[in-house]
Amino acid sequence: MTRSEFSRAVADEFGEAYGRTLVRDLVLDPLGQRTADQALASGTAPRDVWFALCAAMDVPRERWHGAGRPQPKR
């Protein structure tokens, strides 16, 4: 997962505004008591941050994988 895929997944799952708030403000235990923004800035893989965010927000597991990928062109 790239940073842009992470951003797309957050917006798709939580909406633009609420997603930005979660990434900026929600402290995530699995990321060492850091926010998603802090974890990404320190080099944590976007996929690991996405999984921690999904777990914290009780996102159903079937929506964890493949999130953020662009739709295939037809």
Protein backbone atom coordinates (compact mmCIF):
# COMPACT_ATOMS: atom_id res chain seq x y z
CA MET A 1 0.00 0.00 0.00
CA THR A 2 1.32 3.41 -0.96
CA ARG A 3 0.66 6.67 0.88
CA SER A 4 -1.81 7.71 -1.80
CA GLU A 5 -3.64 4.37 -1.50
CA PHE A 6 -3.72 4.86 2.28
CA SER A 7 -5.25 8.32 1.87
CA ARG A 8 -7.81 7.00 -0.62
CA ALA A 9 -8.72 4.10 1.68
CA VAL A 10 -9.20 6.44 4.66
CA ALA A 11 -11.40 8.79 2.63
CA ASP A 12 -13.43 5.92 1.17
CA GLU A 13 -14.00 4.27 4.55
CA PHE A 14 -14.49 7.29 6.82
CA GLY A 15 -15.13 10.26 4.53
CA GLU A 16 -12.74 13.11 3.78
CA ALA A 17 -13.20 15.27 6.89
CA TYR A 18 -13.65 12.55 9.50
CA GLY A 19 -10.83 10.53 7.96
CA ARG A 20 -8.43 13.47 8.23
CA THR A 21 -9.46 13.93 11.86
CA LEU A 22 -8.85 10.26 12.69
CA VAL A 23 -5.44 10.23 11.01
CA ARG A 24 -4.42 13.41 12.80
CA ASP A 25 -5.90 12.84 16.28
CA LEU A 26 -6.58 9.16 17.06
CA VAL A 27 -3.76 7.63 19.12
CA LEU A 28 -3.22 4.00 18.14
CA ASP A 29 -1.74 1.55 20.67
CA PRO A 30 -0.27 -0.84 18.05
CA LEU A 31 1.70 2.08 16.59
CA GLY A 32 3.44 2.89 19.86
CA GLN A 33 0.91 5.39 21.17
CA ARG A 34 1.23 7.51 18.04
CA THR A 35 -1.32 8.89 15.62
CA ALA A 36 -1.44 7.62 12.06
CA ASP A 37 0.19 10.88 10.90
CA GLN A 38 3.02 10.46 13.40
CA ALA A 39 3.55 6.82 12.49
CA LEU A 40 3.64 7.57 8.77
CA ALA A 41 6.05 10.47 9.33
CA SER A 42 8.40 8.17 11.26
CA GLY A 43 8.46 5.64 8.43
CA THR A 44 5.84 3.08 9.47
CA ALA A 45 4.46 1.30 6.41
CA PRO A 46 1.10 2.72 5.30
CA ARG A 47 -0.34 -0.80 5.25
CA ASP A 48 0.52 -1.30 8.94
CA VAL A 49 -1.03 2.07 9.79
CA TRP A 50 -4.16 1.19 7.79
CA PHE A 51 -4.55 -2.13 9.62
CA ALA A 52 -4.11 -0.45 13.03
CA LEU A 53 -6.67 2.21 12.11
CA CYS A 54 -9.14 -0.40 10.87
CA ALA A 55 -8.77 -2.44 14.06
CA ALA A 56 -9.24 0.61 16.28
CA MET A 57 -12.35 1.70 14.39
CA ASP A 58 -13.90 -1.79 14.16
CA VAL A 59 -13.87 -1.82 10.35
CA PRO A 60 -14.98 -5.30 9.20
CA ARG A 61 -11.98 -7.38 8.13
CA GLU A 62 -13.39 -7.93 4.66
CA ARG A 63 -12.80 -4.21 3.99
CA TRP A 64 -9.19 -4.14 5.19
CA HIS A 65 -7.51 -5.71 2.16
CA GLY A 66 -7.52 -4.09 -1.24
CA ALA A 67 -8.72 -0.77 0.14
CA GLY A 68 -7.40 2.34 -1.54
CA ARG A 69 -6.57 0.73 -4.83
CA PRO A 70 -7.85 2.55 -7.89
CA GLN A 71 -10.64 0.92 -9.84
CA PRO A 72 -9.36 -1.04 -12.85
CA LYS A 73 -9.72 0.72 -16.18
CA ARG A 74 -12.13 -0.87 -18.60
